[in-house]
Amino acid sequence: MEMHQVRYFLAVAQLLNFTRAAEECNVTQPSLTRAIKQLEAELGGDLFRRERPAAQLTELGQRMHPLLKQCYDAAAGARSLASSFKSGEVGALRIALTHSIDLALLIPHLNEIRRQFNRLELRFLRGTAREVGDLLKKGEAELGIAAEIDEAWDRLDVWPLFTESFELVVGDGHRLAGRSSIDLEDLRAEQLLSRTYCEHARRISASLHEHGIEHGHEISSERDLIELVEADIGVAMVPHTSPLPDTLTRATVAGLDARRTVSLYGVAGRQRTTVANTVMRMLRGADWREIAG
C-alpha cells in the first residue's frame, strides 16, 4: 500500500467524483483511477461504486475509510514532526539522573533552552548509578548526571561539574540543631540514616565506621529521609546541594572528609540531538561555585 493511493482514496471519498478528486490531487484521472484499482486489489474488493453523477463508497470502502484516514494522518504527522526536528523547531532531550541528584540543578539551564525551541520535549529517567550507565549504553538516554558511575566502558565520556561536601542534617528541635559544626564524638549517640540510593552511601558508612560510628537505619528515598529526620528518628549525612525544608538544619562534621564530585556523562562517538549538545555546553560552561558551596 502506497501513501499516494491512500491520499487518492480519501480525496474521492470526500468529493465522490473521480474527475474532481484528480484535479484536487493534481494528477490525471487515469493515474488516480489506476492507483485506486491497485489499492482495491490489495484490499480484496471494490471501495467505490462507479455511478453517475457521483461515486459511492461500498460497504468495504466505508469500513476502510476511518482506518485509511488514520493511517494517512499519522504519516503526515510523522513527516511534519521529522521536518520540525530537522529545522530545529522541535527539540528533544533524554537525560538520566541518579536518585541522589536534585533536578533543581538543571532548572535554570532548562529555562534558558526553552527559549531556543518552539517545542521542547524532555524525558527524565531515574536510576542507580549502574542503571544510569545502562541507559546510556542502550541509547535510552543521551546524557547522564551522577556523582559516580562505576563503569569501565571505554566509550563513556565524563565531564566533572562540581565537587561538594556532605553535611549533617538534623531536625530543628534536635539537640545539635543550630550548630554550624559538629564533632564526630557528638554522633556516637545518634541513629544515623543511610541513604542507600546515594552513590557514596557505602563510602560514607565506611568513613564513619572508621571513627566507631555506625548507621542505624537504611532508607531508599529522600522524602523518607526528610520525614524521619523531622520526627527525630535519626540524623543523616547529605550533599550540600540536597534541597531541605526549613524544619531541618545543616552542619559540617569536623574531622570527616566526605565529598562527592557530580559529573556529566555521555557516549563518545554517538550522535546527539541539538538540545543535548546545547545542554552539554551549558552544563560544562556553568559556574557551579555558588551552588556547590
C-alpha atoms as a PDB file:
ATOM      1  CA  MET A   1       0.000   0.000   0.000  1.00  0.00           C
ATOM      2  CA  GLU A   2       1.396   3.362  -1.065  1.00  0.00           C
ATOM      3  CA  MET A   3       0.517   6.608   0.691  1.00  0.00           C
ATOM      4  CA  HIS A   4      -0.433   8.292  -2.589  1.00  0.00           C
ATOM      5  CA  GLN A   5      -3.054   5.558  -3.101  1.00  0.00           C
ATOM      6  CA  VAL A   6      -4.499   6.346   0.312  1.00  0.00           C
ATOM      7  CA  ARG A   7      -4.480  10.072  -0.476  1.00  0.00           C
ATOM      8  CA  TYR A   8      -6.355   9.495  -3.751  1.00  0.00           C
ATOM      9  CA  PHE A   9      -8.900   7.262  -1.971  1.00  0.00           C
ATOM     10  CA  LEU A  10      -9.561   9.917   0.676  1.00  0.00           C
ATOM     11  CA  ALA A  11      -9.994  12.585  -1.996  1.00  0.00           C
ATOM     12  CA  VAL A  12     -12.593  10.531  -3.903  1.00  0.00           C
ATOM     13  CA  ALA A  13     -14.343   9.620  -0.639  1.00  0.00           C
ATOM     14  CA  GLN A  14     -14.670  13.310   0.185  1.00  0.00           C
ATOM     15  CA  LEU A  15     -15.639  14.616  -3.252  1.00  0.00           C
ATOM     16  CA  LEU A  16     -17.439  11.469  -4.540  1.00  0.00           C
ATOM     17  CA  ASN A  17     -16.142  12.296  -8.015  1.00  0.00           C
ATOM     18  CA  PHE A  18     -13.061  10.816  -9.686  1.00  0.00           C
ATOM     19  CA  THR A  19     -12.506  13.787 -12.021  1.00  0.00           C
ATOM     20  CA  ARG A  20     -12.668  16.400  -9.274  1.00  0.00           C
ATOM     21  CA  ALA A  21     -10.534  14.232  -6.978  1.00  0.00           C
ATOM     22  CA  ALA A  22      -7.833  14.002  -9.665  1.00  0.00           C
ATOM     23  CA  GLU A  23      -7.865  17.784 -10.015  1.00  0.00           C
ATOM     24  CA  GLU A  24      -7.635  18.159  -6.234  1.00  0.00           C
ATOM     25  CA  CYS A  25      -4.635  15.804  -6.109  1.00  0.00           C
ATOM     26  CA  ASN A  26      -3.053  17.441  -9.164  1.00  0.00           C
ATOM     27  CA  VAL A  27      -2.857  14.179 -11.159  1.00  0.00           C
ATOM     28  CA  THR A  28      -4.566  12.876 -14.253  1.00  0.00           C
ATOM     29  CA  GLN A  29      -7.791  10.925 -13.783  1.00  0.00           C
ATOM     30  CA  PRO A  30      -6.327   7.709 -15.328  1.00  0.00           C
ATOM     31  CA  SER A  31      -3.440   7.845 -12.838  1.00  0.00           C
ATOM     32  CA  LEU A  32      -5.835   8.311  -9.913  1.00  0.00           C
ATOM     33  CA  THR A  33      -8.165   5.568 -11.134  1.00  0.00           C
ATOM     34  CA  ARG A  34      -5.257   3.165 -11.644  1.00  0.00           C
ATOM     35  CA  ALA A  35      -3.902   3.827  -8.140  1.00  0.00           C
ATOM     36  CA  ILE A  36      -7.305   3.191  -6.546  1.00  0.00           C
ATOM     37  CA  LYS A  37      -7.719  -0.035  -8.524  1.00  0.00           C
ATOM     38  CA  GLN A  38      -4.341  -1.192  -7.195  1.00  0.00           C
ATOM     39  CA  LEU A  39      -5.480  -0.371  -3.669  1.00  0.00           C
ATOM     40  CA  GLU A  40      -8.726  -2.288  -4.204  1.00  0.00           C
ATOM     41  CA  ALA A  41      -6.786  -5.285  -5.480  1.00  0.00           C
ATOM     42  CA  GLU A  42      -4.618  -5.244  -2.363  1.00  0.00           C
ATOM     43  CA  LEU A  43      -7.620  -4.934  -0.042  1.00  0.00           C
ATOM     44  CA  GLY A  44      -9.563  -7.586  -1.923  1.00  0.00           C
ATOM     45  CA  GLY A  45     -12.685  -5.720  -3.013  1.00  0.00           C
ATOM     46  CA  ASP A  46     -14.200  -2.614  -4.539  1.00  0.00           C
ATOM     47  CA  LEU A  47     -14.023   0.564  -2.466  1.00  0.00           C
ATOM     48  CA  PHE A  48     -16.381   2.577  -4.677  1.00  0.00           C
ATOM     49  CA  ARG A  49     -19.468   2.015  -6.808  1.00  0.00           C
ATOM     50  CA  ARG A  50     -18.727   3.898 -10.020  1.00  0.00           C
ATOM     51  CA  GLU A  51     -22.123   5.510 -10.537  1.00  0.00           C
ATOM     52  CA  ARG A  52     -23.204   8.713 -12.188  1.00  0.00           C
ATOM     53  CA  PRO A  53     -23.363  11.511 -11.344  1.00  0.00           C
ATOM     54  CA  ALA A  54     -21.485  10.615  -8.129  1.00  0.00           C
ATOM     55  CA  ALA A  55     -19.348   7.716  -6.927  1.00  0.00           C
ATOM     56  CA  GLN A  56     -20.456   5.976  -3.730  1.00  0.00           C
ATOM     57  CA  LEU A  57     -18.463   4.167  -1.059  1.00  0.00           C
ATOM     58  CA  THR A  58     -19.117   0.441  -0.881  1.00  0.00           C
ATOM     59  CA  GLU A  59     -19.514  -1.341   2.451  1.00  0.00           C
ATOM     60  CA  LEU A  60     -15.800  -2.190   2.319  1.00  0.00           C
ATOM     61  CA  GLY A  61     -14.988   1.418   1.458  1.00  0.00           C
ATOM     62  CA  GLN A  62     -16.991   2.696   4.406  1.00  0.00           C
ATOM     63  CA  ARG A  63     -15.182   0.353   6.773  1.00  0.00           C
ATOM     64  CA  MET A  64     -11.778   1.182   5.327  1.00  0.00           C
ATOM     65  CA  HIS A  65     -12.290   4.951   5.333  1.00  0.00           C
ATOM     66  CA  PRO A  66     -11.606   5.692   9.054  1.00  0.00           C
ATOM     67  CA  LEU A  67      -8.650   3.294   9.105  1.00  0.00           C
ATOM     68  CA  LEU A  68      -7.041   4.716   5.978  1.00  0.00           C
ATOM     69  CA  LYS A  69      -7.655   8.281   7.151  1.00  0.00           C
ATOM     70  CA  GLN A  70      -5.967   7.481  10.465  1.00  0.00           C
ATOM     71  CA  CYS A  71      -3.064   5.906   8.581  1.00  0.00           C
ATOM     72  CA  TYR A  72      -2.689   8.942   6.303  1.00  0.00           C
ATOM     73  CA  ASP A  73      -2.935  11.441   9.179  1.00  0.00           C
ATOM     74  CA  ALA A  74      -0.309   9.516  11.145  1.00  0.00           C
ATOM     75  CA  ALA A  75       2.063   9.518   8.172  1.00  0.00           C
ATOM     76  CA  ALA A  76       1.501  13.243   7.630  1.00  0.00           C
ATOM     77  CA  GLY A  77       2.126  13.880  11.309  1.00  0.00           C
ATOM     78  CA  ALA A  78       5.341  11.857  11.173  1.00  0.00           C
ATOM     79  CA  ARG A  79       6.595  13.857   8.192  1.00  0.00           C
ATOM     80  CA  SER A  80       5.726  17.130   9.908  1.00  0.00           C
ATOM     81  CA  LEU A  81       7.481  16.112  13.108  1.00  0.00           C
ATOM     82  CA  ALA A  82      10.570  14.954  11.228  1.00  0.00           C
ATOM     83  CA  SER A  83      10.679  18.261   9.382  1.00  0.00           C
ATOM     84  CA  SER A  84      10.357  20.186  12.660  1.00  0.00           C
ATOM     85  CA  PHE A  85      13.227  18.236  14.198  1.00  0.00           C
ATOM     86  CA  LYS A  86      15.388  18.790  11.144  1.00  0.00           C
ATOM     87  CA  SER A  87      14.705  22.533  11.104  1.00  0.00           C
ATOM     88  CA  GLY A  88      15.294  22.856  14.853  1.00  0.00           C
ATOM     89  CA  GLU A  89      11.743  23.972  15.666  1.00  0.00           C
ATOM     90  CA  VAL A  90      11.280  20.952  17.926  1.00  0.00           C
ATOM     91  CA  GLY A  91      13.930  19.821  20.374  1.00  0.00           C
ATOM     92  CA  ALA A  92      14.121  16.589  22.358  1.00  0.00           C
ATOM     93  CA  LEU A  93      16.268  15.529  25.272  1.00  0.00           C
ATOM     94  CA  ARG A  94      16.511  12.243  27.147  1.00  0.00           C
ATOM     95  CA  ILE A  95      18.582  12.624  30.293  1.00  0.00           C
ATOM     96  CA  ALA A  96      19.192  10.123  33.096  1.00  0.00           C
ATOM     97  CA  LEU A  97      19.928  11.139  36.678  1.00  0.00           C
ATOM     98  CA  THR A  98      20.763   9.095  39.721  1.00  0.00           C
ATOM     99  CA  HIS A  99      18.342   9.284  42.649  1.00  0.00           C
ATOM    100  CA  SER A 100      20.739  11.446  44.646  1.00  0.00           C
ATOM    101  CA  ILE A 101      20.884  14.278  42.069  1.00  0.00           C
ATOM    102  CA  ASP A 102      18.447  17.137  42.618  1.00  0.00           C
ATOM    103  CA  LEU A 103      16.653  18.121  39.410  1.00  0.00           C
ATOM    104  CA  ALA A 104      16.651  21.747  40.581  1.00  0.00           C
ATOM    105  CA  LEU A 105      20.303  21.901  39.498  1.00  0.00           C
ATOM    106  CA  LEU A 106      19.111  21.782  35.874  1.00  0.00           C
ATOM    107  CA  ILE A 107      16.127  24.140  36.070  1.00  0.00           C
ATOM    108  CA  PRO A 108      17.996  27.393  35.211  1.00  0.00           C
ATOM    109  CA  HIS A 109      19.521  25.733  32.153  1.00  0.00           C
ATOM    110  CA  LEU A 110      16.227  24.167  31.070  1.00  0.00           C
ATOM    111  CA  ASN A 111      14.519  27.548  31.321  1.00  0.00           C
ATOM    112  CA  GLU A 112      17.241  29.014  29.132  1.00  0.00           C
ATOM    113  CA  ILE A 113      16.950  26.304  26.499  1.00  0.00           C
ATOM    114  CA  ARG A 114      13.160  26.573  26.401  1.00  0.00           C
ATOM    115  CA  ARG A 115      13.612  29.985  24.843  1.00  0.00           C
ATOM    116  CA  GLN A 116      15.608  28.484  21.983  1.00  0.00           C
ATOM    117  CA  PHE A 117      12.994  25.986  20.769  1.00  0.00           C
ATOM    118  CA  ASN A 118       9.342  26.426  19.831  1.00  0.00           C
ATOM    119  CA  ARG A 119       8.644  22.980  21.266  1.00  0.00           C
ATOM    120  CA  LEU A 120      10.804  21.162  23.767  1.00  0.00           C
ATOM    121  CA  GLU A 121      10.220  17.510  24.594  1.00  0.00           C
ATOM    122  CA  LEU A 122      12.010  16.344  27.727  1.00  0.00           C
ATOM    123  CA  ARG A 123      12.278  12.876  29.185  1.00  0.00           C
ATOM    124  CA  PHE A 124      13.851  12.447  32.603  1.00  0.00           C
ATOM    125  CA  LEU A 125      14.955   8.993  33.697  1.00  0.00           C
ATOM    126  CA  ARG A 126      15.959   7.987  37.218  1.00  0.00           C
ATOM    127  CA  GLY A 127      18.002   5.078  38.473  1.00  0.00           C
ATOM    128  CA  THR A 128      21.003   3.888  40.379  1.00  0.00           C
ATOM    129  CA  ALA A 129      24.478   4.703  39.097  1.00  0.00           C
ATOM    130  CA  ARG A 130      24.607   1.345  37.338  1.00  0.00           C
ATOM    131  CA  GLU A 131      21.169   1.864  35.814  1.00  0.00           C
ATOM    132  CA  VAL A 132      22.134   5.315  34.516  1.00  0.00           C
ATOM    133  CA  GLY A 133      25.190   3.731  32.900  1.00  0.00           C
ATOM    134  CA  ASP A 134      22.997   1.069  31.278  1.00  0.00           C
ATOM    135  CA  LEU A 135      20.581   3.710  29.957  1.00  0.00           C
ATOM    136  CA  LEU A 136      23.486   5.497  28.290  1.00  0.00           C
ATOM    137  CA  LYS A 137      24.838   2.253  26.853  1.00  0.00           C
ATOM    138  CA  LYS A 138      21.490   1.236  25.362  1.00  0.00           C
ATOM    139  CA  GLY A 139      20.891   4.699  23.895  1.00  0.00           C
ATOM    140  CA  GLU A 140      17.785   5.273  26.015  1.00  0.00           C
ATOM    141  CA  ALA A 141      19.443   8.410  27.425  1.00  0.00           C
ATOM    142  CA  GLU A 142      21.707  10.863  25.625  1.00  0.00           C
ATOM    143  CA  LEU A 143      23.199  12.415  28.757  1.00  0.00           C
ATOM    144  CA  GLY A 144      23.601  11.265  32.329  1.00  0.00           C
ATOM    145  CA  ILE A 145      24.276  13.091  35.587  1.00  0.00           C
ATOM    146  CA  ALA A 146      25.616  11.211  38.580  1.00  0.00           C
ATOM    147  CA  ALA A 147      28.030  11.562  41.450  1.00  0.00           C
ATOM    148  CA  GLU A 148      29.802   8.479  40.188  1.00  0.00           C
ATOM    149  CA  ILE A 149      29.184   5.751  37.616  1.00  0.00           C
ATOM    150  CA  ASP A 150      31.289   2.701  38.332  1.00  0.00           C
ATOM    151  CA  GLU A 151      31.524   1.653  34.707  1.00  0.00           C
ATOM    152  CA  ALA A 152      34.759   0.803  32.921  1.00  0.00           C
ATOM    153  CA  TRP A 153      33.324   1.350  29.426  1.00  0.00           C
ATOM    154  CA  ASP A 154      35.811   2.980  27.097  1.00  0.00           C
ATOM    155  CA  ARG A 155      33.073   4.915  25.256  1.00  0.00           C
ATOM    156  CA  LEU A 156      31.800   6.641  28.390  1.00  0.00           C
ATOM    157  CA  ASP A 157      32.817  10.312  28.411  1.00  0.00           C
ATOM    158  CA  VAL A 158      32.953  12.074  31.789  1.00  0.00           C
ATOM    159  CA  TRP A 159      32.979  15.832  32.444  1.00  0.00           C
ATOM    160  CA  PRO A 160      33.218  16.784  36.173  1.00  0.00           C
ATOM    161  CA  LEU A 161      30.877  19.670  37.007  1.00  0.00           C
ATOM    162  CA  PHE A 162      31.495  20.429  40.691  1.00  0.00           C
ATOM    163  CA  THR A 163      32.647  18.914  43.973  1.00  0.00           C
ATOM    164  CA  GLU A 164      30.618  19.331  47.147  1.00  0.00           C
ATOM    165  CA  SER A 165      30.845  18.218  50.756  1.00  0.00           C
ATOM    166  CA  PHE A 166      28.408  16.162  52.798  1.00  0.00           C
ATOM    167  CA  GLU A 167      26.771  17.808  55.790  1.00  0.00           C
ATOM    168  CA  LEU A 168      24.943  16.536  58.849  1.00  0.00           C
ATOM    169  CA  VAL A 169      21.197  17.211  58.795  1.00  0.00           C
ATOM    170  CA  VAL A 170      19.070  17.260  61.965  1.00  0.00           C
ATOM    171  CA  GLY A 171      15.589  18.412  62.902  1.00  0.00           C
ATOM    172  CA  ASP A 172      15.182  21.985  64.143  1.00  0.00           C
ATOM    173  CA  GLY A 173      14.264  20.653  67.575  1.00  0.00           C
ATOM    174  CA  HIS A 174      17.256  18.313  67.827  1.00  0.00           C
ATOM    175  CA  ARG A 175      19.921  18.836  70.491  1.00  0.00           C
ATOM    176  CA  LEU A 176      22.504  19.516  67.752  1.00  0.00           C
ATOM    177  CA  ALA A 177      20.314  21.990  65.848  1.00  0.00           C
ATOM    178  CA  GLY A 178      21.716  25.476  65.374  1.00  0.00           C
ATOM    179  CA  ARG A 179      25.366  24.463  65.484  1.00  0.00           C
ATOM    180  CA  SER A 180      27.444  25.234  62.401  1.00  0.00           C
ATOM    181  CA  SER A 181      29.950  22.476  63.167  1.00  0.00           C
ATOM    182  CA  ILE A 182      29.575  19.077  64.835  1.00  0.00           C
ATOM    183  CA  ASP A 183      32.331  16.912  66.290  1.00  0.00           C
ATOM    184  CA  LEU A 184      32.471  13.247  65.414  1.00  0.00           C
ATOM    185  CA  GLU A 185      32.111  12.441  69.094  1.00  0.00           C
ATOM    186  CA  ASP A 186      28.662  14.089  69.032  1.00  0.00           C
ATOM    187  CA  LEU A 187      27.443  11.453  66.573  1.00  0.00           C
ATOM    188  CA  ARG A 188      28.189   8.370  68.654  1.00  0.00           C
ATOM    189  CA  ALA A 189      24.835   8.562  70.433  1.00  0.00           C
ATOM    190  CA  GLU A 190      22.825   9.243  67.264  1.00  0.00           C
ATOM    191  CA  GLN A 191      20.871   6.953  64.962  1.00  0.00           C
ATOM    192  CA  LEU A 192      22.233   7.724  61.510  1.00  0.00           C
ATOM    193  CA  LEU A 193      20.141   7.236  58.397  1.00  0.00           C
ATOM    194  CA  SER A 194      21.902   5.618  55.458  1.00  0.00           C
ATOM    195  CA  ARG A 195      20.789   6.915  52.037  1.00  0.00           C
ATOM    196  CA  THR A 196      21.089   3.610  50.164  1.00  0.00           C
ATOM    197  CA  TYR A 197      20.185   5.308  46.866  1.00  0.00           C
ATOM    198  CA  CYS A 198      23.264   7.563  47.049  1.00  0.00           C
ATOM    199  CA  GLU A 199      26.343   6.562  45.066  1.00  0.00           C
ATOM    200  CA  HIS A 200      28.556   7.375  48.082  1.00  0.00           C
ATOM    201  CA  ALA A 201      26.459   5.673  50.767  1.00  0.00           C
ATOM    202  CA  ARG A 202      28.926   2.827  51.345  1.00  0.00           C
ATOM    203  CA  ARG A 203      31.904   5.156  51.300  1.00  0.00           C
ATOM    204  CA  ILE A 204      30.383   7.433  53.928  1.00  0.00           C
ATOM    205  CA  SER A 205      29.370   4.461  56.064  1.00  0.00           C
ATOM    206  CA  ALA A 206      32.928   3.156  55.878  1.00  0.00           C
ATOM    207  CA  SER A 207      34.363   6.565  56.851  1.00  0.00           C
ATOM    208  CA  LEU A 208      32.056   6.789  59.866  1.00  0.00           C
ATOM    209  CA  HIS A 209      32.796   3.186  60.794  1.00  0.00           C
ATOM    210  CA  GLU A 210      36.498   4.034  60.984  1.00  0.00           C
ATOM    211  CA  HIS A 211      35.593   6.514  63.727  1.00  0.00           C
ATOM    212  CA  GLY A 212      33.450   3.996  65.588  1.00  0.00           C
ATOM    213  CA  ILE A 213      30.138   5.391  64.328  1.00  0.00           C
ATOM    214  CA  GLU A 214      27.567   3.024  62.842  1.00  0.00           C
ATOM    215  CA  HIS A 215      24.465   3.737  60.783  1.00  0.00           C
ATOM    216  CA  GLY A 216      21.214   2.801  62.436  1.00  0.00           C
ATOM    217  CA  HIS A 217      18.599   2.825  59.654  1.00  0.00           C
ATOM    218  CA  GLU A 218      18.543   2.346  55.883  1.00  0.00           C
ATOM    219  CA  ILE A 219      16.203   4.370  53.668  1.00  0.00           C
ATOM    220  CA  SER A 220      15.566   4.409  49.939  1.00  0.00           C
ATOM    221  CA  SER A 221      14.142   7.876  49.186  1.00  0.00           C
ATOM    222  CA  GLU A 222      14.838  11.500  50.022  1.00  0.00           C
ATOM    223  CA  ARG A 223      11.243  12.040  51.111  1.00  0.00           C
ATOM    224  CA  ASP A 224      11.526   9.278  53.702  1.00  0.00           C
ATOM    225  CA  LEU A 225      14.769  10.796  54.955  1.00  0.00           C
ATOM    226  CA  ILE A 226      13.174  14.204  55.492  1.00  0.00           C
ATOM    227  CA  GLU A 227      10.207  12.760  57.385  1.00  0.00           C
ATOM    228  CA  LEU A 228      12.402  10.616  59.626  1.00  0.00           C
ATOM    229  CA  VAL A 229      14.771  13.477  60.433  1.00  0.00           C
ATOM    230  CA  GLU A 230      11.835  15.807  61.111  1.00  0.00           C
ATOM    231  CA  ALA A 231      10.489  13.224  63.558  1.00  0.00           C
ATOM    232  CA  ASP A 232      13.916  12.993  65.301  1.00  0.00           C
ATOM    233  CA  ILE A 233      14.074   9.284  64.481  1.00  0.00           C
ATOM    234  CA  GLY A 234      17.536   9.808  63.053  1.00  0.00           C
ATOM    235  CA  VAL A 235      20.073  12.191  61.546  1.00  0.00           C
ATOM    236  CA  ALA A 236      21.691  11.980  58.123  1.00  0.00           C
ATOM    237  CA  MET A 237      24.673  12.947  56.027  1.00  0.00           C
ATOM    238  CA  VAL A 238      23.508  14.622  52.802  1.00  0.00           C
ATOM    239  CA  PRO A 239      25.239  16.520  49.966  1.00  0.00           C
ATOM    240  CA  HIS A 240      25.312  20.298  50.145  1.00  0.00           C
ATOM    241  CA  THR A 241      23.018  20.605  47.084  1.00  0.00           C
ATOM    242  CA  SER A 242      20.271  18.396  48.514  1.00  0.00           C
ATOM    243  CA  PRO A 243      17.116  20.511  48.988  1.00  0.00           C
ATOM    244  CA  LEU A 244      15.801  20.569  52.553  1.00  0.00           C
ATOM    245  CA  PRO A 245      12.759  22.166  54.193  1.00  0.00           C
ATOM    246  CA  ASP A 246      13.088  24.895  56.833  1.00  0.00           C
ATOM    247  CA  THR A 247      12.312  22.307  59.508  1.00  0.00           C
ATOM    248  CA  LEU A 248      15.826  20.845  59.108  1.00  0.00           C
ATOM    249  CA  THR A 249      19.242  22.371  59.784  1.00  0.00           C
ATOM    250  CA  ARG A 250      22.691  21.612  58.405  1.00  0.00           C
ATOM    251  CA  ALA A 251      26.121  21.455  59.987  1.00  0.00           C
ATOM    252  CA  THR A 252      29.595  20.398  58.915  1.00  0.00           C
ATOM    253  CA  VAL A 253      31.216  17.469  60.697  1.00  0.00           C
ATOM    254  CA  ALA A 254      34.718  18.330  61.857  1.00  0.00           C
ATOM    255  CA  GLY A 255      37.276  15.651  61.121  1.00  0.00           C
ATOM    256  CA  LEU A 256      35.179  13.887  58.481  1.00  0.00           C
ATOM    257  CA  ASP A 257      36.328  14.309  54.887  1.00  0.00           C
ATOM    258  CA  ALA A 258      33.201  13.322  52.939  1.00  0.00           C
ATOM    259  CA  ARG A 259      32.829  14.762  49.449  1.00  0.00           C
ATOM    260  CA  ARG A 260      31.446  13.854  46.072  1.00  0.00           C
ATOM    261  CA  THR A 261      32.021  15.071  42.528  1.00  0.00           C
ATOM    262  CA  VAL A 262      28.948  15.431  40.340  1.00  0.00           C
ATOM    263  CA  SER A 263      29.700  14.725  36.684  1.00  0.00           C
ATOM    264  CA  LEU A 264      28.042  14.863  33.301  1.00  0.00           C
ATOM    265  CA  TYR A 265      28.215  11.670  31.255  1.00  0.00           C
ATOM    266  CA  GLY A 266      27.824  10.988  27.550  1.00  0.00           C
ATOM    267  CA  VAL A 267      28.716   8.348  24.984  1.00  0.00           C
ATOM    268  CA  ALA A 268      31.716   9.081  22.759  1.00  0.00           C
ATOM    269  CA  GLY A 269      31.086   8.949  19.021  1.00  0.00           C
ATOM    270  CA  ARG A 270      27.298   8.828  19.300  1.00  0.00           C
ATOM    271  CA  GLN A 271      25.256  11.471  17.506  1.00  0.00           C
ATOM    272  CA  ARG A 272      23.229  13.658  19.870  1.00  0.00           C
ATOM    273  CA  THR A 273      20.233  15.888  19.331  1.00  0.00           C
ATOM    274  CA  THR A 274      20.651  19.642  19.096  1.00  0.00           C
ATOM    275  CA  VAL A 275      19.118  20.012  22.565  1.00  0.00           C
ATOM    276  CA  ALA A 276      21.526  17.503  24.105  1.00  0.00           C
ATOM    277  CA  ASN A 277      24.529  19.283  22.605  1.00  0.00           C
ATOM    278  CA  THR A 278      23.230  22.644  23.816  1.00  0.00           C
ATOM    279  CA  VAL A 279      22.585  21.359  27.354  1.00  0.00           C
ATOM    280  CA  MET A 280      26.020  19.780  27.412  1.00  0.00           C
ATOM    281  CA  ARG A 281      27.683  23.088  26.545  1.00  0.00           C
ATOM    282  CA  MET A 282      25.589  24.922  29.148  1.00  0.00           C
ATOM    283  CA  LEU A 283      26.389  22.498  31.970  1.00  0.00           C
ATOM    284  CA  ARG A 284      30.095  22.303  31.182  1.00  0.00           C
ATOM    285  CA  GLY A 285      30.377  26.079  30.914  1.00  0.00           C
ATOM    286  CA  ALA A 286      28.324  26.918  34.019  1.00  0.00           C
ATOM    287  CA  ASP A 287      29.830  28.440  37.154  1.00  0.00           C
ATOM    288  CA  TRP A 288      28.882  25.940  39.865  1.00  0.00           C
ATOM    289  CA  ARG A 289      30.850  27.520  42.712  1.00  0.00           C
ATOM    290  CA  GLU A 290      27.905  29.225  44.371  1.00  0.00           C
ATOM    291  CA  ILE A 291      25.715  26.103  44.140  1.00  0.00           C
ATOM    292  CA  ALA A 292      28.411  23.740  45.398  1.00  0.00           C
ATOM    293  CA  GLY A 293      29.082  25.931  48.433  1.00  0.00           C
END
